């Protein structure tokens, strides 16, 4: 009865809004200088290409599944920094009960993550409700959980 998550989105220069702020927060987490403004402009494109070169990925400036997987940073209670701020910002955009986007993974962030994981799991997504933002939780946050879930019989 497991649902599939949406695939990682393909994000490129010219894109605006979701998931561009998440991309920008993750680039910051990896030491790249970008402004988190939700606009995939030249600055973000340059940072994506530099990151892709550093990780021996296709240097095309397009953020697809391989680049997303390389960018994600596991965050858990006690984590701090731009990746945490990205998760917090995502909850604010969703209108969920949002923790402050302060970059500190404290109790409010853990509560929001667990609530998100629990809701996705209740809809059939194969997510652990553990409060850890690992690869599958990142994919659900960035790509989403399909509204009409594909369930395996």
Protein backbone atom coordinates (compact mmCIF):
# COMPACT_ATOMS: atom_id res chain seq x y z
CA UNK A 1 0.00 0.00 0.00
CA UNK A 2 2.96 2.35 -0.42
CA UNK A 3 2.45 5.48 -2.43
CA UNK A 4 5.11 6.85 -4.65
CA UNK A 5 6.46 10.32 -4.06
CA UNK A 6 6.50 12.76 -6.91
CA UNK A 7 9.80 12.69 -8.76
CA UNK A 8 12.39 15.32 -8.02
CA UNK A 9 11.39 18.44 -9.96
CA UNK A 10 13.53 19.77 -12.78
CA UNK A 11 14.41 23.34 -11.90
CA UNK A 12 16.30 25.72 -14.15
CA UNK A 13 17.12 29.35 -14.73
CA UNK A 14 13.97 31.45 -15.04
CA UNK A 15 12.05 29.41 -12.45
CA UNK A 16 10.45 31.28 -9.59
CA UNK A 17 8.92 30.30 -6.26
CA UNK A 18 8.80 26.67 -5.05
CA UNK A 19 11.26 24.91 -5.01
CA UNK A 20 13.74 27.70 -5.79
CA UNK A 21 14.06 29.00 -2.19
CA UNK A 22 14.81 25.44 -1.03
CA UNK A 23 17.48 25.17 -3.73
CA UNK A 24 18.97 28.47 -2.64
CA UNK A 25 19.05 27.42 1.02
CA UNK A 26 20.76 24.15 0.07
CA UNK A 27 23.35 25.99 -2.03
CA UNK A 28 24.05 28.22 0.98
CA UNK A 29 24.44 25.08 3.12
CA UNK A 30 27.20 24.00 0.73
CA UNK A 31 29.01 27.34 0.98
CA UNK A 32 27.77 29.02 -2.21
CA UNK A 33 26.83 32.68 -2.14
CA UNK A 34 23.24 33.18 -3.26
CA UNK A 35 20.35 35.38 -2.24
CA UNK A 36 17.26 33.49 -1.11
CA UNK A 37 14.70 35.35 -3.18
CA UNK A 38 12.81 32.55 -4.94
CA UNK A 39 14.19 33.60 -8.33
CA UNK A 40 16.49 31.23 -10.24
CA UNK A 41 18.55 33.94 -11.86
CA UNK A 42 22.17 34.22 -12.95
CA UNK A 43 23.57 34.13 -9.40
CA UNK A 44 21.73 30.91 -8.56
CA UNK A 45 22.63 29.44 -11.95
CA UNK A 46 26.32 30.19 -11.42
CA UNK A 47 26.19 28.56 -7.97
CA UNK A 48 24.40 25.47 -9.36
CA UNK A 49 27.00 25.04 -12.12
CA UNK A 50 29.87 25.48 -9.63
CA UNK A 51 28.29 22.89 -7.32
CA UNK A 52 27.74 20.49 -10.22
CA UNK A 53 31.38 20.83 -11.28
CA UNK A 54 32.58 20.24 -7.72
CA UNK A 55 30.47 17.05 -7.50
CA UNK A 56 31.39 15.80 -11.01
CA UNK A 57 27.80 16.14 -12.18
CA UNK A 58 26.66 17.34 -15.59
CA UNK A 59 27.56 21.05 -15.58
CA UNK A 60 24.33 22.23 -17.19
CA UNK A 61 22.85 24.51 -14.54
CA UNK A 62 19.69 22.38 -14.46
CA UNK A 63 18.72 20.94 -11.09
CA UNK A 64 17.33 17.48 -11.75
CA UNK A 65 17.27 14.30 -9.65
CA UNK A 66 21.05 13.80 -9.48
CA UNK A 67 21.76 17.39 -8.45
CA UNK A 68 18.92 17.41 -5.89
CA UNK A 69 20.20 14.16 -4.35
CA UNK A 70 23.72 15.60 -4.13
CA UNK A 71 22.48 18.86 -2.59
CA UNK A 72 20.33 17.49 0.22
CA UNK A 73 21.72 17.58 3.72
CA UNK A 74 20.22 15.39 6.42
CA UNK A 75 18.85 17.54 9.20
CA UNK A 76 17.65 16.38 12.58
CA UNK A 77 17.07 17.76 16.07
CA UNK A 78 20.13 19.77 17.05
CA UNK A 79 21.11 20.61 13.44
CA UNK A 80 21.73 24.23 12.53
CA UNK A 81 22.28 26.21 9.38
CA UNK A 82 20.91 26.97 5.96
CA UNK A 83 19.50 23.50 5.25
CA UNK A 84 17.41 23.74 8.43
CA UNK A 85 16.34 27.24 7.45
CA UNK A 86 15.23 25.83 4.09
CA UNK A 87 13.03 23.22 5.77
CA UNK A 88 11.56 25.87 8.06
CA UNK A 89 10.94 28.21 5.13
CA UNK A 90 9.17 25.42 3.27
CA UNK A 91 6.76 24.91 6.18
CA UNK A 92 6.08 28.65 6.24
CA UNK A 93 5.28 28.62 2.51
CA UNK A 94 2.92 25.69 2.97
CA UNK A 95 1.04 27.59 5.64
CA UNK A 96 1.59 24.75 8.08
CA UNK A 97 2.15 25.48 11.74
CA UNK A 98 5.54 26.94 11.05
CA UNK A 99 8.60 27.16 13.22
CA UNK A 100 10.60 30.38 12.99
CA UNK A 101 13.04 30.27 10.08
CA UNK A 102 15.99 30.73 12.40
CA UNK A 103 18.13 27.84 11.14
CA UNK A 104 17.97 25.98 14.47
CA UNK A 105 16.31 22.56 14.48
CA UNK A 106 14.52 22.74 17.79
CA UNK A 107 11.26 21.32 19.16
CA UNK A 108 8.96 23.41 16.92
CA UNK A 109 10.79 22.28 13.78
CA UNK A 110 10.76 18.67 14.92
CA UNK A 111 7.02 18.91 15.57
CA UNK A 112 6.42 20.33 12.07
CA UNK A 113 8.60 17.66 10.43
CA UNK A 114 6.90 14.83 12.31
CA UNK A 115 3.45 16.24 11.47
CA UNK A 116 4.42 16.45 7.78
CA UNK A 117 5.83 12.92 7.79
CA UNK A 118 2.75 11.61 9.60
CA UNK A 119 0.36 13.25 7.14
CA UNK A 120 2.33 11.93 4.15
CA UNK A 121 2.45 8.46 5.71
CA UNK A 122 -1.32 8.57 6.37
CA UNK A 123 -1.76 9.21 2.64
CA UNK A 124 0.33 6.14 1.87
CA UNK A 125 3.83 7.56 1.41
CA UNK A 126 6.60 5.29 2.67
CA UNK A 127 8.05 7.80 5.14
CA UNK A 128 9.21 7.10 8.65
CA UNK A 129 7.80 9.49 11.24
CA UNK A 130 11.16 10.05 12.90
CA UNK A 131 11.69 13.81 12.76
CA UNK A 132 14.74 13.37 10.51
CA UNK A 133 14.74 15.12 7.15
CA UNK A 134 16.55 12.48 5.12
CA UNK A 135 16.38 11.73 1.38
CA UNK A 136 12.71 10.63 1.24
CA UNK A 137 11.45 13.47 3.41
CA UNK A 138 13.44 15.96 1.31
CA UNK A 139 11.90 14.48 -1.84
CA UNK A 140 8.41 14.76 -0.35
CA UNK A 141 9.06 18.38 0.68
CA UNK A 142 10.61 19.41 -2.62
CA UNK A 143 8.67 17.25 -5.09
CA UNK A 144 5.52 16.66 -3.09
CA UNK A 145 3.27 13.75 -2.40
CA UNK A 146 0.79 13.13 -5.24
CA UNK A 147 -2.78 14.13 -4.50
CA UNK A 148 -4.04 10.89 -6.01
CA UNK A 149 -1.64 8.34 -4.70
CA UNK A 150 -0.53 5.33 -6.70
CA UNK A 151 -1.00 2.41 -4.39
CA UNK A 152 0.59 -0.95 -4.93
CA UNK A 153 -1.85 -3.79 -4.37
